[in-house]
Every structure is written in C-alpha cells, then in structure tokens.
Amino acid sequence: MDKLKVSLITVSFNSQETIRDTIESVLSQNYDNIEYIIVDGGSKDSTLDIINDYEDRIQVVVSEPDLGIYDAMNKGVKLSTGDIIGVINSDDFYSHSKVISVVVRKFLENPKSELVLGAIDFVKASDLTKSVRKYSSKYFTPELMRFGIMPPHPAAFIKKATYLQVGEYKLNYKIAADFDLLLRMLKVNKSAFSRLDDVCVRMRLGGVSTEGLASFKTISKEILKSLNENNIYSNSIFVLFRVVSKIKQIIFT
C-alpha cells in the first residue's frame, strides 16, 4: 500500500495574532506525506505576510473573498488531493509533532474506518498551556447526536472519499455546518469510525462556536434544524442536554 497522503486545511481571515502558531504546528509534524492548504478570505492585516514567510513549505495558498468559514472549508476540500483530510483553523494548533502519525496509524490499524475522531483541549488565549476543558471522542456514539453532542470537529480526520460521498458543508448554517456534516456522515450515512483519546488539537477559547449566549441560541437552533432536515427525531429539550456534557468536561479536566 502506498503511504497515505494527508491534506491539512487551514481557513483564515485577519488572523495575524494566531496563524503563525497554526502553521508551525502543521509544519512541525513528523509525518512526511502532508499536503498543506491555506484558504484565506482576503485578509486585510498581516496574515498573508506571515503565510508568505512559509511559502516554500505550503503547497496551496488561496486568498480571495468567500462566503464565510464553511465556504472556505469547501474550497479547501475541493483543492485537496490527499486520502485523508483534516481541518485546522487559524486560531487552533496541533498539540504535538506526532499527531498526524498517530492518526494515520489508527487508519491503518482500522482500514474500514472512514473517520478517526480524536480529542481537543480548550485553552486560555492568555496561557496556551492551560487546559480549561478537554473535549474527547472516547465515549462518543452517533446516537448522542440527537442530543446535540458531536465529536470535536478540529480533531476529526476524514477520508476524502467520504466527503465526496456525503457532500459539502452547507452554507445555510452559520455555526453548525460542521455538526450537520458529521451528522450526515456518522448518523445518516453510518460511516465507520475509530476513536482516538489523544489530544490532537489545542483550541483557543473565543471562537465562533464558543462565544456567549447569542451564539449558544443560534447553534442550538441550527443543530435542531439539521436533525429535523435529516429526519432524526429530537427536540429543544434534547438539544439542551449537551450543556450537561460540557459541564462534565470542565469538572473532569
């Protein structure tokens, strides 16, 4: 078997404060068959200058206006040529240099798996070594998605063939297109997956899906919409159950 090629996609927009950490965490990986793609939304700050510092080590860079983060992710998926795709946002970074090697090994150990689902650490922006909450896939089952509980998207590594089979991130979701995509893969399509309890990604608190009450209301509404569109029974009370899951993550971190 040829060595599996991994495409890693970073989407960015005015990310000068954080993107260098993201890029260096990708370029420090010890796995030697990585294609790195950056899709920038036309940044007006120094994001592109930082990207250009590494231009000889990044295979694809696109910078143009887009329709938001999920549109950028779709562009990255279309540009990718790897067997496996991972999405690492411009304010996240891989936790150590062997993440991709560990993920690939898991795919090779479980050749029927279409996804490998890892763990992430939420960290303080002021102290990137300080774990606030660990979000693991260790006990994840697709049935939990009717309660709004999903595996952590930044630590989900997915075969490109599965993207091609299931389809793109839907742009009518502002926050929950990743939930909808994983729901279609794991619950509707019943794609085979493997769990990986290793922390793959450290994620700064304060992203689009972690900000405030307004964001919580929007994502709850969108999760319920996705469940209904995919003919999976749920209700607003079920979806609120994910709050209990987050509290447990904080307590046991």
Protein backbone atom coordinates (compact mmCIF):
# COMPACT_ATOMS: atom_id res chain seq x y z
CA MET A 1 0.00 0.00 0.00
CA ASP A 2 1.24 3.49 -0.85
CA LYS A 3 1.74 5.74 2.13
CA LEU A 4 -1.48 7.59 2.94
CA LYS A 5 -1.43 11.24 1.91
CA VAL A 6 -2.93 13.68 4.40
CA SER A 7 -4.32 17.05 3.33
CA LEU A 8 -4.47 19.61 6.14
CA ILE A 9 -6.62 22.69 5.55
CA THR A 10 -6.40 25.99 7.39
CA VAL A 11 -9.02 28.67 6.78
CA SER A 12 -8.17 32.19 7.84
CA PHE A 13 -9.33 35.80 7.83
CA ASN A 14 -7.42 38.59 9.57
CA SER A 15 -5.64 36.00 11.72
CA GLN A 16 -2.30 37.73 12.25
CA GLU A 17 -2.37 37.17 16.02
CA THR A 18 -2.65 33.38 15.87
CA ILE A 19 -1.93 31.88 12.45
CA ARG A 20 1.82 31.52 12.94
CA ASP A 21 1.18 29.02 15.76
CA THR A 22 -1.17 27.10 13.46
CA ILE A 23 1.26 26.98 10.55
CA GLU A 24 4.23 25.96 12.68
CA SER A 25 2.23 23.19 14.35
CA VAL A 26 1.44 21.77 10.90
CA LEU A 27 4.97 22.14 9.55
CA SER A 28 6.44 20.53 12.68
CA GLN A 29 4.57 17.25 12.08
CA ASN A 30 6.92 14.31 11.69
CA TYR A 31 4.72 12.59 9.10
CA ASP A 32 6.27 13.10 5.68
CA ASN A 33 3.32 12.88 3.29
CA ILE A 34 1.34 16.01 4.15
CA GLU A 35 -0.23 18.48 1.74
CA TYR A 36 -0.87 21.82 3.43
CA ILE A 37 -3.59 24.11 2.05
CA ILE A 38 -4.43 27.58 3.35
CA VAL A 39 -7.65 29.24 2.22
CA ASP A 40 -7.71 32.90 3.24
CA GLY A 41 -10.76 35.10 2.91
CA GLY A 42 -8.84 38.13 1.66
CA SER A 43 -7.24 39.28 4.90
CA LYS A 44 -6.51 43.00 5.31
CA ASP A 45 -3.98 42.64 8.14
CA SER A 46 -0.56 40.95 8.00
CA THR A 47 -1.94 37.40 7.78
CA LEU A 48 -0.72 36.96 4.19
CA ASP A 49 2.74 38.30 5.08
CA ILE A 50 3.00 35.65 7.77
CA ILE A 51 1.81 32.94 5.36
CA ASN A 52 4.40 34.10 2.82
CA ASP A 53 7.15 33.54 5.39
CA TYR A 54 6.48 29.81 4.85
CA GLU A 55 5.56 29.84 1.15
CA ASP A 56 8.15 27.23 0.17
CA ARG A 57 6.59 24.73 2.62
CA ILE A 58 2.88 25.31 1.94
CA GLN A 59 1.59 23.53 -1.12
CA VAL A 60 -1.51 25.65 -1.85
CA VAL A 61 -2.43 29.19 -0.79
CA VAL A 62 -5.65 30.85 -1.93
CA SER A 63 -6.64 34.36 -0.81
CA GLU A 64 -9.93 35.74 -2.10
CA PRO A 65 -13.30 36.83 -0.73
CA ASP A 66 -15.54 33.98 0.36
CA LEU A 67 -18.97 33.40 1.85
CA GLY A 68 -17.65 32.53 5.30
CA ILE A 69 -15.72 29.84 7.10
CA TYR A 70 -17.64 26.89 5.67
CA ASP A 71 -17.32 28.16 2.11
CA ALA A 72 -13.57 28.35 2.70
CA MET A 73 -13.55 24.79 4.06
CA ASN A 74 -15.39 23.58 0.96
CA LYS A 75 -12.78 25.26 -1.24
CA GLY A 76 -10.04 23.52 0.70
CA VAL A 77 -11.68 20.11 0.36
CA LYS A 78 -12.06 20.60 -3.40
CA LEU A 79 -8.40 21.60 -3.72
CA SER A 80 -7.14 18.69 -1.64
CA THR A 81 -5.53 15.63 -3.22
CA GLY A 82 -4.97 13.58 -0.05
CA ASP A 83 -6.54 10.34 1.08
CA ILE A 84 -7.37 11.89 4.47
CA ILE A 85 -8.45 15.45 5.25
CA GLY A 86 -8.06 17.39 8.48
CA VAL A 87 -9.23 20.95 9.09
CA ILE A 88 -7.17 23.07 11.49
CA ASN A 89 -8.47 26.61 11.94
CA SER A 90 -6.20 29.63 12.16
CA ASP A 91 -6.62 30.05 15.92
CA ASP A 92 -6.05 26.35 16.70
CA PHE A 93 -2.84 24.31 16.66
CA TYR A 94 -1.78 20.68 16.85
CA SER A 95 -0.78 19.62 20.33
CA HIS A 96 2.46 17.85 19.38
CA SER A 97 4.55 16.84 16.37
CA LYS A 98 3.28 13.25 16.14
CA VAL A 99 -0.45 13.97 15.80
CA ILE A 100 -0.71 13.09 12.11
CA SER A 101 1.49 10.00 12.52
CA VAL A 102 -0.82 8.75 15.28
CA VAL A 103 -3.93 9.46 13.19
CA VAL A 104 -2.54 7.66 10.13
CA ARG A 105 -1.55 4.67 12.27
CA LYS A 106 -5.14 4.49 13.52
CA PHE A 107 -6.46 4.45 9.96
CA LEU A 108 -4.02 1.68 9.03
CA GLU A 109 -4.99 -0.36 12.09
CA ASN A 110 -8.68 0.06 11.21
CA PRO A 111 -8.81 0.07 7.39
CA LYS A 112 -12.62 0.14 7.29
CA SER A 113 -12.74 3.41 9.23
CA GLU A 114 -13.79 6.45 7.24
CA LEU A 115 -13.16 8.83 10.13
CA VAL A 116 -10.75 8.97 13.05
CA LEU A 117 -12.12 11.06 15.90
CA GLY A 118 -9.69 12.48 18.43
CA ALA A 119 -9.79 14.87 21.38
CA ILE A 120 -9.18 18.59 21.78
CA ASP A 121 -8.18 20.84 24.66
CA PHE A 122 -9.79 24.24 25.05
CA VAL A 123 -7.09 26.59 26.33
CA LYS A 124 -6.94 30.18 27.53
CA ALA A 125 -5.72 32.62 24.90
CA SER A 126 -3.54 34.16 27.60
CA ASP A 127 -1.94 30.82 28.53
CA LEU A 128 -1.87 28.21 25.76
CA THR A 129 -0.60 25.55 28.17
CA LYS A 130 -3.61 25.97 30.49
CA SER A 131 -6.34 23.42 29.74
CA VAL A 132 -9.81 24.70 30.60
CA ARG A 133 -11.83 21.83 29.17
CA LYS A 134 -10.99 18.57 27.40
CA TYR A 135 -13.40 17.50 24.68
CA SER A 136 -12.91 13.83 23.87
CA SER A 137 -14.44 11.33 21.45
CA LYS A 138 -13.72 8.47 23.84
CA TYR A 139 -17.36 7.76 24.64
CA PHE A 140 -18.94 9.22 21.52
CA THR A 141 -21.64 7.27 19.69
CA PRO A 142 -23.72 8.57 16.76
CA GLU A 143 -26.88 8.23 18.89
CA LEU A 144 -25.65 11.13 21.03
CA MET A 145 -26.04 13.49 18.09
CA ARG A 146 -29.80 13.65 18.59
CA PHE A 147 -28.91 15.40 21.87
CA GLY A 148 -26.67 17.90 20.08
CA ILE A 149 -23.49 16.11 21.12
CA MET A 150 -20.92 15.76 18.36
CA PRO A 151 -17.28 14.71 18.19
CA PRO A 152 -14.85 17.65 18.13
CA HIS A 153 -14.61 18.79 14.52
CA PRO A 154 -10.99 20.07 14.65
CA ALA A 155 -9.91 16.57 15.75
CA ALA A 156 -11.98 14.76 13.10
CA PHE A 157 -9.86 13.32 10.30
CA ILE A 158 -11.97 12.17 7.38
CA LYS A 159 -11.27 10.23 4.19
CA LYS A 160 -11.77 12.37 1.11
CA ALA A 161 -13.88 9.60 -0.40
CA THR A 162 -16.35 10.12 2.44
CA TYR A 163 -16.57 13.85 1.72
CA LEU A 164 -17.25 13.03 -1.92
CA GLN A 165 -19.95 10.58 -0.94
CA VAL A 166 -21.74 12.72 1.65
CA GLY A 167 -21.27 16.21 0.26
CA GLU A 168 -20.08 19.64 1.34
CA TYR A 169 -20.53 21.85 4.37
CA LYS A 170 -23.91 23.52 3.88
CA LEU A 171 -23.69 27.28 3.71
CA ASN A 172 -27.16 27.89 5.14
CA TYR A 173 -25.70 27.14 8.59
CA LYS A 174 -23.79 29.98 10.27
CA ILE A 175 -22.24 27.94 13.09
CA ALA A 176 -23.40 24.32 12.89
CA ALA A 177 -22.40 23.24 9.37
CA ASP A 178 -19.72 21.03 10.94
CA PHE A 179 -22.39 19.37 13.12
CA ASP A 180 -24.57 18.87 10.06
CA LEU A 181 -21.71 17.37 8.02
CA LEU A 182 -20.72 14.94 10.79
CA LEU A 183 -24.38 14.07 11.36
CA ARG A 184 -24.76 13.14 7.69
CA MET A 185 -21.58 11.07 7.82
CA LEU A 186 -21.97 9.31 11.15
CA LYS A 187 -25.71 9.02 11.68
CA VAL A 188 -27.29 9.12 8.22
CA ASN A 189 -24.56 7.53 6.10
CA LYS A 190 -23.40 5.34 9.02
CA SER A 191 -19.75 5.88 8.10
CA ALA A 192 -17.40 3.65 10.08
CA PHE A 193 -15.15 5.46 12.56
CA SER A 194 -12.43 4.89 15.12
CA ARG A 195 -11.94 6.77 18.37
CA LEU A 196 -8.64 8.25 19.45
CA ASP A 197 -8.45 9.58 23.01
CA ASP A 198 -5.23 11.50 22.31
CA VAL A 199 -5.46 15.29 22.44
CA CYS A 200 -4.82 16.24 18.82
CA VAL A 201 -5.65 19.94 18.84
CA ARG A 202 -5.47 22.83 21.27
CA MET A 203 -8.23 25.34 20.62
CA ARG A 204 -8.30 28.88 21.97
CA LEU A 205 -11.50 29.81 23.75
CA GLY A 206 -13.41 32.56 21.97
CA GLY A 207 -14.08 31.00 18.56
CA VAL A 208 -17.34 31.41 16.64
CA SER A 209 -18.96 28.40 18.30
CA THR A 210 -17.77 29.20 21.85
CA GLU A 211 -18.85 32.82 22.26
CA GLY A 212 -21.71 33.78 24.54
CA LEU A 213 -25.44 33.30 24.90
CA ALA A 214 -26.36 34.57 21.43
CA SER A 215 -24.03 32.01 19.86
CA PHE A 216 -25.46 29.27 22.09
CA LYS A 217 -29.00 30.09 20.97
CA THR A 218 -28.01 30.16 17.30
CA ILE A 219 -26.14 26.88 17.39
CA SER A 220 -28.96 25.18 19.32
CA LYS A 221 -31.45 26.31 16.69
CA GLU A 222 -29.19 25.17 13.85
CA ILE A 223 -28.50 21.77 15.44
CA LEU A 224 -32.22 21.15 15.77
CA LYS A 225 -32.73 22.27 12.16
CA SER A 226 -30.08 19.81 10.95
CA LEU A 227 -31.59 16.94 12.93
CA ASN A 228 -35.03 17.70 11.50
CA GLU A 229 -33.72 18.02 7.94
CA ASN A 230 -32.05 14.64 8.28
CA ASN A 231 -35.22 13.02 9.69
CA ILE A 232 -33.71 12.33 13.11
CA TYR A 233 -36.11 12.87 15.97
CA SER A 234 -35.07 15.43 18.55
CA ASN A 235 -36.46 18.48 20.31
CA SER A 236 -35.20 21.60 22.07
CA ILE A 237 -35.00 19.81 25.44
CA PHE A 238 -32.90 17.01 23.95
CA VAL A 239 -30.50 19.53 22.41
CA LEU A 240 -30.03 21.30 25.74
CA PHE A 241 -28.60 18.05 27.11
CA ARG A 242 -25.25 18.97 25.57
CA VAL A 243 -24.84 21.56 28.33
CA VAL A 244 -24.56 18.69 30.82
CA SER A 245 -21.85 17.17 28.66
CA LYS A 246 -19.85 20.43 28.68
CA ILE A 247 -20.15 20.74 32.46
CA LYS A 248 -18.79 17.19 32.85
CA GLN A 249 -15.87 18.07 30.57
CA ILE A 250 -14.96 21.05 32.77
CA ILE A 251 -15.29 19.06 36.02
CA PHE A 252 -13.13 16.16 34.84
CA THR A 253 -10.44 18.18 33.04
